[in-house]
Structures are given as structure tokens and as C-alpha cells.
Amino acid sequence: PVQFETVKNYPNPFNPNTVINYSMSHIGSVKVHVYDVIGRKVATLFEGIRTPGSYEVAWNAEGMASGVYFCRVEFFGNKTISHKMNLVK
């Protein structure tokens, strides 16, 4: 990877499982969190150090209400990318 980026979760909309893909070009810290529509953190999918490459994390939203959620991926503690995910039951 030339830089860091996320790819929209697949599938979207989903019920209840989805996968979030991201890639990074440098070793560094990564945090992947899921937030509800009012900004509450509802899941931590990954926090740690990654080497350059492509990665995926899965989210099982069983027990969560249908609606819009946001996946937030923070790279190196200073760059954040987020996108919308739709849980449909």
C-alpha cells in the first residue's frame, strides 16, 4: 500500500456480520472502533501495532439495534478515516 486507507465494509447493509478492510504503508498504531449514531463507542475491533500491509477486521453486531453505525479507523494517532455502516435486521 502507498498510504493508509479504509475500504467500505462488506456487505453493507449487513445482518449481523460485516468485514472492514484497511491498509497501511508504514508500521504504526491502529485503532478500529464502531460508534452509534449519537457518538457512543459500541465496539473496539482492534487496537495495536501493524506492519505495512492490508488487514481486515470482522464485526458481529448481534444484539445491536438496527440502524446506522460508524466505523472509525485511527492511524498513527493523528489520521482518522470513518465511514457509515447500515445494520438491517
PDB file of N, CA and C in Angstrom:
ATOM      1  N   PRO A   1       0.818  -1.211   0.000  1.00  0.00           N
ATOM      2  CA  PRO A   1       0.000   0.000   0.000  1.00  0.00           C
ATOM      3  C   PRO A   1       0.852   1.260   0.000  1.00  0.00           C
ATOM      4  N   VAL A   2       0.435   2.257  -0.749  1.00  0.00           N
ATOM      5  CA  VAL A   2       1.173   3.507  -0.852  1.00  0.00           C
ATOM      6  C   VAL A   2       0.859   4.415   0.319  1.00  0.00           C
ATOM      7  N   GLN A   3      -0.295   4.297   0.892  1.00  0.00           N
ATOM      8  CA  GLN A   3      -0.716   5.128   2.010  1.00  0.00           C
ATOM      9  C   GLN A   3      -1.640   4.303   2.894  1.00  0.00           C
ATOM     10  N   PHE A   4      -2.335   4.933   3.800  1.00  0.00           N
ATOM     11  CA  PHE A   4      -3.308   4.213   4.605  1.00  0.00           C
ATOM     12  C   PHE A   4      -4.691   4.578   4.109  1.00  0.00           C
ATOM     13  N   GLU A   5      -5.572   3.619   4.166  1.00  0.00           N
ATOM     14  CA  GLU A   5      -6.938   3.864   3.711  1.00  0.00           C
ATOM     15  C   GLU A   5      -7.847   2.769   4.237  1.00  0.00           C
ATOM     16  N   THR A   6      -9.121   3.067   4.268  1.00  0.00           N
ATOM     17  CA  THR A   6     -10.108   2.042   4.572  1.00  0.00           C
ATOM     18  C   THR A   6     -10.915   1.778   3.322  1.00  0.00           C
ATOM     19  N   VAL A   7     -11.505   0.643   3.297  1.00  0.00           N
ATOM     20  CA  VAL A   7     -12.433   0.280   2.240  1.00  0.00           C
ATOM     21  C   VAL A   7     -13.765   0.069   2.933  1.00  0.00           C
ATOM     22  N   LYS A   8     -14.806   0.492   2.335  1.00  0.00           N
ATOM     23  CA  LYS A   8     -16.121   0.343   2.957  1.00  0.00           C
ATOM     24  C   LYS A   8     -16.336  -1.105   3.395  1.00  0.00           C
ATOM     25  N   ASN A   9     -17.074  -1.228   4.474  1.00  0.00           N
ATOM     26  CA  ASN A   9     -17.343  -2.568   4.976  1.00  0.00           C
ATOM     27  C   ASN A   9     -18.139  -3.363   3.947  1.00  0.00           C
ATOM     28  N   TYR A  10     -18.001  -4.675   4.017  1.00  0.00           N
ATOM     29  CA  TYR A  10     -18.718  -5.546   3.111  1.00  0.00           C
ATOM     30  C   TYR A  10     -19.300  -6.696   3.909  1.00  0.00           C
ATOM     31  N   PRO A  11     -20.523  -7.027   3.769  1.00  0.00           N
ATOM     32  CA  PRO A  11     -21.541  -6.316   2.997  1.00  0.00           C
ATOM     33  C   PRO A  11     -22.036  -5.080   3.735  1.00  0.00           C
ATOM     34  N   ASN A  12     -22.694  -4.220   3.010  1.00  0.00           N
ATOM     35  CA  ASN A  12     -23.303  -3.020   3.582  1.00  0.00           C
ATOM     36  C   ASN A  12     -24.518  -2.671   2.737  1.00  0.00           C
ATOM     37  N   PRO A  13     -25.717  -2.783   3.250  1.00  0.00           N
ATOM     38  CA  PRO A  13     -26.120  -3.116   4.610  1.00  0.00           C
ATOM     39  C   PRO A  13     -25.773  -4.562   4.964  1.00  0.00           C
ATOM     40  N   PHE A  14     -25.755  -4.845   6.275  1.00  0.00           N
ATOM     41  CA  PHE A  14     -25.368  -6.158   6.761  1.00  0.00           C
ATOM     42  C   PHE A  14     -26.296  -6.621   7.873  1.00  0.00           C
ATOM     43  N   ASN A  15     -26.251  -7.928   8.159  1.00  0.00           N
ATOM     44  CA  ASN A  15     -27.033  -8.515   9.245  1.00  0.00           C
ATOM     45  C   ASN A  15     -26.474  -9.888   9.578  1.00  0.00           C
ATOM     46  N   PRO A  16     -25.904 -10.132  10.710  1.00  0.00           N
ATOM     47  CA  PRO A  16     -25.343  -9.177  11.653  1.00  0.00           C
ATOM     48  C   PRO A  16     -23.836  -9.029  11.500  1.00  0.00           C
ATOM     49  N   ASN A  17     -23.234  -9.701  10.485  1.00  0.00           N
ATOM     50  CA  ASN A  17     -21.767  -9.673  10.342  1.00  0.00           C
ATOM     51  C   ASN A  17     -21.318  -8.822   9.171  1.00  0.00           C
ATOM     52  N   THR A  18     -20.211  -8.111   9.377  1.00  0.00           N
ATOM     53  CA  THR A  18     -19.593  -7.334   8.309  1.00  0.00           C
ATOM     54  C   THR A  18     -18.088  -7.343   8.507  1.00  0.00           C
ATOM     55  N   VAL A  19     -17.351  -7.044   7.445  1.00  0.00           N
ATOM     56  CA  VAL A  19     -15.890  -7.025   7.492  1.00  0.00           C
ATOM     57  C   VAL A  19     -15.405  -5.663   7.028  1.00  0.00           C
ATOM     58  N   ILE A  20     -14.471  -5.078   7.783  1.00  0.00           N
ATOM     59  CA  ILE A  20     -13.871  -3.787   7.442  1.00  0.00           C
ATOM     60  C   ILE A  20     -12.432  -4.042   7.010  1.00  0.00           C
ATOM     61  N   ASN A  21     -12.075  -3.561   5.833  1.00  0.00           N
ATOM     62  CA  ASN A  21     -10.721  -3.715   5.303  1.00  0.00           C
ATOM     63  C   ASN A  21      -9.980  -2.388   5.397  1.00  0.00           C
ATOM     64  N   TYR A  22      -8.694  -2.462   5.695  1.00  0.00           N
ATOM     65  CA  TYR A  22      -7.859  -1.268   5.683  1.00  0.00           C
ATOM     66  C   TYR A  22      -6.437  -1.663   5.330  1.00  0.00           C
ATOM     67  N   SER A  23      -5.674  -0.687   4.848  1.00  0.00           N
ATOM     68  CA  SER A  23      -4.279  -0.950   4.506  1.00  0.00           C
ATOM     69  C   SER A  23      -3.426   0.216   4.973  1.00  0.00           C
ATOM     70  N   MET A  24      -2.147  -0.056   5.160  1.00  0.00           N
ATOM     71  CA  MET A  24      -1.225   0.980   5.601  1.00  0.00           C
ATOM     72  C   MET A  24       0.152   0.729   5.006  1.00  0.00           C
ATOM     73  N   SER A  25       0.893   1.809   4.783  1.00  0.00           N
ATOM     74  CA  SER A  25       2.192   1.710   4.129  1.00  0.00           C
ATOM     75  C   SER A  25       3.356   1.732   5.105  1.00  0.00           C
ATOM     76  N   HIS A  26       3.105   2.086   6.372  1.00  0.00           N
ATOM     77  CA  HIS A  26       4.171   2.175   7.369  1.00  0.00           C
ATOM     78  C   HIS A  26       3.760   1.428   8.622  1.00  0.00           C
ATOM     79  N   ILE A  27       4.730   0.963   9.370  1.00  0.00           N
ATOM     80  CA  ILE A  27       4.428   0.357  10.665  1.00  0.00           C
ATOM     81  C   ILE A  27       3.917   1.444  11.598  1.00  0.00           C
ATOM     82  N   GLY A  28       2.929   1.112  12.395  1.00  0.00           N
ATOM     83  CA  GLY A  28       2.404   2.102  13.321  1.00  0.00           C
ATOM     84  C   GLY A  28       1.166   1.609  14.039  1.00  0.00           C
ATOM     85  N   SER A  29       0.663   2.456  14.904  1.00  0.00           N
ATOM     86  CA  SER A  29      -0.507   2.097  15.702  1.00  0.00           C
ATOM     87  C   SER A  29      -1.795   2.272  14.899  1.00  0.00           C
ATOM     88  N   VAL A  30      -2.741   1.392  15.183  1.00  0.00           N
ATOM     89  CA  VAL A  30      -4.049   1.423  14.527  1.00  0.00           C
ATOM     90  C   VAL A  30      -5.102   1.163  15.588  1.00  0.00           C
ATOM     91  N   LYS A  31      -6.193   1.906  15.508  1.00  0.00           N
ATOM     92  CA  LYS A  31      -7.358   1.658  16.351  1.00  0.00           C
ATOM     93  C   LYS A  31      -8.575   1.596  15.453  1.00  0.00           C
ATOM     94  N   VAL A  32      -9.384   0.565  15.637  1.00  0.00           N
ATOM     95  CA  VAL A  32     -10.612   0.410  14.864  1.00  0.00           C
ATOM     96  C   VAL A  32     -11.765   0.312  15.864  1.00  0.00           C
ATOM     97  N   HIS A  33     -12.659   1.309  15.825  1.00  0.00           N
ATOM     98  CA  HIS A  33     -13.787   1.364  16.738  1.00  0.00           C
ATOM     99  C   HIS A  33     -15.084   1.537  15.958  1.00  0.00           C
ATOM    100  N   VAL A  34     -16.186   1.126  16.559  1.00  0.00           N
ATOM    101  CA  VAL A  34     -17.521   1.326  15.988  1.00  0.00           C
ATOM    102  C   VAL A  34     -18.303   2.214  16.944  1.00  0.00           C
ATOM    103  N   TYR A  35     -18.985   3.218  16.373  1.00  0.00           N
ATOM    104  CA  TYR A  35     -19.787   4.172  17.149  1.00  0.00           C
ATOM    105  C   TYR A  35     -21.226   4.143  16.659  1.00  0.00           C
ATOM    106  N   ASP A  36     -22.153   4.412  17.569  1.00  0.00           N
ATOM    107  CA  ASP A  36     -23.543   4.534  17.154  1.00  0.00           C
ATOM    108  C   ASP A  36     -23.799   5.948  16.628  1.00  0.00           C
ATOM    109  N   VAL A  37     -25.009   6.209  16.221  1.00  0.00           N
ATOM    110  CA  VAL A  37     -25.335   7.464  15.553  1.00  0.00           C
ATOM    111  C   VAL A  37     -25.230   8.675  16.482  1.00  0.00           C
ATOM    112  N   ILE A  38     -25.271   8.465  17.806  1.00  0.00           N
ATOM    113  CA  ILE A  38     -25.125   9.611  18.713  1.00  0.00           C
ATOM    114  C   ILE A  38     -23.707   9.723  19.281  1.00  0.00           C
ATOM    115  N   GLY A  39     -22.790   8.911  18.746  1.00  0.00           N
ATOM    116  CA  GLY A  39     -21.383   9.064  19.096  1.00  0.00           C
ATOM    117  C   GLY A  39     -20.866   8.191  20.219  1.00  0.00           C
ATOM    118  N   ARG A  40     -21.659   7.256  20.704  1.00  0.00           N
ATOM    119  CA  ARG A  40     -21.181   6.344  21.745  1.00  0.00           C
ATOM    120  C   ARG A  40     -20.384   5.204  21.124  1.00  0.00           C
ATOM    121  N   LYS A  41     -19.238   4.889  21.707  1.00  0.00           N
ATOM    122  CA  LYS A  41     -18.448   3.756  21.224  1.00  0.00           C
ATOM    123  C   LYS A  41     -19.166   2.476  21.628  1.00  0.00           C
ATOM    124  N   VAL A  42     -19.466   1.621  20.636  1.00  0.00           N
ATOM    125  CA  VAL A  42     -20.180   0.380  20.910  1.00  0.00           C
ATOM    126  C   VAL A  42     -19.305  -0.855  20.724  1.00  0.00           C
ATOM    127  N   ALA A  43     -18.151  -0.703  20.077  1.00  0.00           N
ATOM    128  CA  ALA A  43     -17.263  -1.854  19.879  1.00  0.00           C
ATOM    129  C   ALA A  43     -15.843  -1.387  19.595  1.00  0.00           C
ATOM    130  N   THR A  44     -14.896  -2.123  20.134  1.00  0.00           N
ATOM    131  CA  THR A  44     -13.484  -1.962  19.788  1.00  0.00           C
ATOM    132  C   THR A  44     -13.097  -3.209  19.016  1.00  0.00           C
ATOM    133  N   LEU A  45     -12.722  -3.036  17.749  1.00  0.00           N
ATOM    134  CA  LEU A  45     -12.410  -4.179  16.902  1.00  0.00           C
ATOM    135  C   LEU A  45     -10.922  -4.488  16.866  1.00  0.00           C
ATOM    136  N   PHE A  46     -10.081  -3.453  17.038  1.00  0.00           N
ATOM    137  CA  PHE A  46      -8.635  -3.671  17.077  1.00  0.00           C
ATOM    138  C   PHE A  46      -7.959  -2.438  17.661  1.00  0.00           C
ATOM    139  N   GLU A  47      -6.945  -2.664  18.467  1.00  0.00           N
ATOM    140  CA  GLU A  47      -6.041  -1.615  18.941  1.00  0.00           C
ATOM    141  C   GLU A  47      -4.667  -2.245  19.045  1.00  0.00           C
ATOM    142  N   GLY A  48      -3.709  -1.727  18.297  1.00  0.00           N
ATOM    143  CA  GLY A  48      -2.364  -2.281  18.364  1.00  0.00           C
ATOM    144  C   GLY A  48      -1.481  -1.769  17.252  1.00  0.00           C
ATOM    145  N   ILE A  49      -0.344  -2.417  17.107  1.00  0.00           N
ATOM    146  CA  ILE A  49       0.648  -2.052  16.099  1.00  0.00           C
ATOM    147  C   ILE A  49       0.499  -2.983  14.909  1.00  0.00           C
ATOM    148  N   ARG A  50       0.560  -2.406  13.725  1.00  0.00           N
ATOM    149  CA  ARG A  50       0.514  -3.188  12.487  1.00  0.00           C
ATOM    150  C   ARG A  50       1.724  -2.829  11.620  1.00  0.00           C
ATOM    151  N   THR A  51       2.203  -3.805  10.886  1.00  0.00           N
ATOM    152  CA  THR A  51       3.254  -3.591   9.895  1.00  0.00           C
ATOM    153  C   THR A  51       2.589  -3.234   8.567  1.00  0.00           C
ATOM    154  N   PRO A  52       3.353  -2.758   7.578  1.00  0.00           N
ATOM    155  CA  PRO A  52       2.739  -2.424   6.290  1.00  0.00           C
ATOM    156  C   PRO A  52       2.007  -3.622   5.689  1.00  0.00           C
ATOM    157  N   GLY A  53       0.829  -3.348   5.133  1.00  0.00           N
ATOM    158  CA  GLY A  53       0.052  -4.412   4.513  1.00  0.00           C
ATOM    159  C   GLY A  53      -1.432  -4.115   4.547  1.00  0.00           C
ATOM    160  N   SER A  54      -2.194  -5.107   4.152  1.00  0.00           N
ATOM    161  CA  SER A  54      -3.651  -4.998   4.143  1.00  0.00           C
ATOM    162  C   SER A  54      -4.219  -5.896   5.226  1.00  0.00           C
ATOM    163  N   TYR A  55      -5.251  -5.407   5.897  1.00  0.00           N
ATOM    164  CA  TYR A  55      -5.842  -6.111   7.030  1.00  0.00           C
ATOM    165  C   TYR A  55      -7.355  -6.049   6.941  1.00  0.00           C
ATOM    166  N   GLU A  56      -8.000  -6.959   7.683  1.00  0.00           N
ATOM    167  CA  GLU A  56      -9.439  -6.908   7.814  1.00  0.00           C
ATOM    168  C   GLU A  56      -9.820  -7.278   9.238  1.00  0.00           C
ATOM    169  N   VAL A  57     -10.890  -6.655   9.687  1.00  0.00           N
ATOM    170  CA  VAL A  57     -11.458  -6.977  11.000  1.00  0.00           C
ATOM    171  C   VAL A  57     -12.941  -7.226  10.803  1.00  0.00           C
ATOM    172  N   ALA A  58     -13.465  -8.162  11.557  1.00  0.00           N
ATOM    173  CA  ALA A  58     -14.881  -8.511  11.449  1.00  0.00           C
ATOM    174  C   ALA A  58     -15.637  -7.921  12.635  1.00  0.00           C
ATOM    175  N   TRP A  59     -16.877  -7.554  12.393  1.00  0.00           N
ATOM    176  CA  TRP A  59     -17.753  -7.105  13.467  1.00  0.00           C
ATOM    177  C   TRP A  59     -19.026  -7.919  13.419  1.00  0.00           C
ATOM    178  N   ASN A  60     -19.332  -8.559  14.534  1.00  0.00           N
ATOM    179  CA  ASN A  60     -20.590  -9.270  14.702  1.00  0.00           C
ATOM    180  C   ASN A  60     -21.486  -8.365  15.529  1.00  0.00           C
ATOM    181  N   ALA A  61     -22.502  -7.794  14.919  1.00  0.00           N
ATOM    182  CA  ALA A  61     -23.389  -6.832  15.569  1.00  0.00           C
ATOM    183  C   ALA A  61     -24.627  -7.492  16.154  1.00  0.00           C
ATOM    184  N   GLU A  62     -24.544  -8.773  16.409  1.00  0.00           N
ATOM    185  CA  GLU A  62     -25.676  -9.465  17.027  1.00  0.00           C
ATOM    186  C   GLU A  62     -25.967  -8.812  18.372  1.00  0.00           C
ATOM    187  N   GLY A  63     -27.220  -8.563  18.639  1.00  0.00           N
ATOM    188  CA  GLY A  63     -27.609  -7.906  19.877  1.00  0.00           C
ATOM    189  C   GLY A  63     -27.683  -6.393  19.762  1.00  0.00           C
ATOM    190  N   MET A  64     -27.217  -5.842  18.659  1.00  0.00           N
ATOM    191  CA  MET A  64     -27.288  -4.396  18.427  1.00  0.00           C
ATOM    192  C   MET A  64     -28.593  -4.082  17.697  1.00  0.00           C
ATOM    193  N   ALA A  65     -29.074  -2.869  17.895  1.00  0.00           N
ATOM    194  CA  ALA A  65     -30.301  -2.432  17.219  1.00  0.00           C
ATOM    195  C   ALA A  65     -30.021  -2.125  15.751  1.00  0.00           C
ATOM    196  N   SER A  66     -31.029  -2.306  14.916  1.00  0.00           N
ATOM    197  CA  SER A  66     -30.916  -1.894  13.520  1.00  0.00           C
ATOM    198  C   SER A  66     -30.649  -0.404  13.465  1.00  0.00           C
ATOM    199  N   GLY A  67     -29.885   0.019  12.472  1.00  0.00           N
ATOM    200  CA  GLY A  67     -29.636   1.439  12.316  1.00  0.00           C
ATOM    201  C   GLY A  67     -28.278   1.727  11.712  1.00  0.00           C
ATOM    202  N   VAL A  68     -27.874   2.980  11.822  1.00  0.00           N
ATOM    203  CA  VAL A  68     -26.622   3.466  11.247  1.00  0.00           C
ATOM    204  C   VAL A  68     -25.538   3.431  12.317  1.00  0.00           C
ATOM    205  N   TYR A  69     -24.375   2.921  11.935  1.00  0.00           N
ATOM    206  CA  TYR A  69     -23.190   2.901  12.787  1.00  0.00           C
ATOM    207  C   TYR A  69     -22.033   3.469  11.982  1.00  0.00           C
ATOM    208  N   PHE A  70     -21.011   3.913  12.676  1.00  0.00           N
ATOM    209  CA  PHE A  70     -19.839   4.477  12.023  1.00  0.00           C
ATOM    210  C   PHE A  70     -18.601   3.720  12.454  1.00  0.00           C
ATOM    211  N   CYS A  71     -17.827   3.285  11.477  1.00  0.00           N
ATOM    212  CA  CYS A  71     -16.541   2.660  11.749  1.00  0.00           C
ATOM    213  C   CYS A  71     -15.486   3.758  11.669  1.00  0.00           C
ATOM    214  N   ARG A  72     -14.670   3.852  12.705  1.00  0.00           N
ATOM    215  CA  ARG A  72     -13.610   4.862  12.747  1.00  0.00           C
ATOM    216  C   ARG A  72     -12.274   4.146  12.858  1.00  0.00           C
ATOM    217  N   VAL A  73     -11.389   4.393  11.896  1.00  0.00           N
ATOM    218  CA  VAL A  73     -10.050   3.811  11.895  1.00  0.00           C
ATOM    219  C   VAL A  73      -9.063   4.949  12.103  1.00  0.00           C
ATOM    220  N   GLU A  74      -8.284   4.852  13.182  1.00  0.00           N
ATOM    221  CA  GLU A  74      -7.296   5.885  13.508  1.00  0.00           C
ATOM    222  C   GLU A  74      -5.903   5.313  13.263  1.00  0.00           C
ATOM    223  N   PHE A  75      -5.138   6.012  12.416  1.00  0.00           N
ATOM    224  CA  PHE A  75      -3.788   5.592  12.073  1.00  0.00           C
ATOM    225  C   PHE A  75      -2.774   6.500  12.757  1.00  0.00           C
ATOM    226  N   PHE A  76      -1.766   5.918  13.363  1.00  0.00           N
ATOM    227  CA  PHE A  76      -0.615   6.642  13.916  1.00  0.00           C
ATOM    228  C   PHE A  76      -1.003   7.691  14.948  1.00  0.00           C
ATOM    229  N   GLY A  77      -2.205   7.627  15.462  1.00  0.00           N
ATOM    230  CA  GLY A  77      -2.638   8.575  16.472  1.00  0.00           C
ATOM    231  C   GLY A  77      -2.993   9.953  15.963  1.00  0.00           C
ATOM    232  N   ASN A  78      -2.932  10.167  14.624  1.00  0.00           N
ATOM    233  CA  ASN A  78      -3.220  11.514  14.131  1.00  0.00           C
ATOM    234  C   ASN A  78      -4.041  11.573  12.842  1.00  0.00           C
ATOM    235  N   LYS A  79      -4.295  10.466  12.200  1.00  0.00           N
ATOM    236  CA  LYS A  79      -5.093  10.458  10.965  1.00  0.00           C
ATOM    237  C   LYS A  79      -6.273   9.518  11.169  1.00  0.00           C
ATOM    238  N   THR A  80      -7.469  10.018  10.939  1.00  0.00           N
ATOM    239  CA  THR A  80      -8.677   9.232  11.158  1.00  0.00           C
ATOM    240  C   THR A  80      -9.524   9.204   9.901  1.00  0.00           C
ATOM    241  N   ILE A  81     -10.011   8.023   9.586  1.00  0.00           N
ATOM    242  CA  ILE A  81     -10.947   7.849   8.476  1.00  0.00           C
ATOM    243  C   ILE A  81     -12.158   7.120   9.043  1.00  0.00           C
ATOM    244  N   SER A  82     -13.350   7.588   8.700  1.00  0.00           N
ATOM    245  CA  SER A  82     -14.565   6.910   9.164  1.00  0.00           C
ATOM    246  C   SER A  82     -15.538   6.748   8.014  1.00  0.00           C
ATOM    247  N   HIS A  83     -16.405   5.778   8.155  1.00  0.00           N
ATOM    248  CA  HIS A  83     -17.458   5.590   7.150  1.00  0.00           C
ATOM    249  C   HIS A  83     -18.699   4.987   7.797  1.00  0.00           C
ATOM    250  N   LYS A  84     -19.796   5.138   7.097  1.00  0.00           N
ATOM    251  CA  LYS A  84     -21.108   4.732   7.597  1.00  0.00           C
ATOM    252  C   LYS A  84     -21.395   3.277   7.243  1.00  0.00           C
ATOM    253  N   MET A  85     -22.000   2.575   8.219  1.00  0.00           N
ATOM    254  CA  MET A  85     -22.414   1.195   8.024  1.00  0.00           C
ATOM    255  C   MET A  85     -23.884   1.075   8.422  1.00  0.00           C
ATOM    256  N   ASN A  86     -24.628   0.252   7.705  1.00  0.00           N
ATOM    257  CA  ASN A  86     -26.065   0.111   7.959  1.00  0.00           C
ATOM    258  C   ASN A  86     -26.381  -1.317   8.403  1.00  0.00           C
ATOM    259  N   LEU A  87     -26.831  -1.445   9.632  1.00  0.00           N
ATOM    260  CA  LEU A  87     -27.274  -2.723  10.164  1.00  0.00           C
ATOM    261  C   LEU A  87     -28.769  -2.837   9.954  1.00  0.00           C
ATOM    262  N   VAL A  88     -29.200  -3.855   9.208  1.00  0.00           N
ATOM    263  CA  VAL A  88     -30.608  -4.068   8.900  1.00  0.00           C
ATOM    264  C   VAL A  88     -30.996  -5.453   9.385  1.00  0.00           C
ATOM    265  N   LYS A  89     -31.976  -5.491  10.271  1.00  0.00           N
ATOM    266  CA  LYS A  89     -32.439  -6.789  10.792  1.00  0.00           C
ATOM    267  C   LYS A  89     -33.799  -7.135  10.253  1.00  0.00           C
TER     268      LYS A  89
END
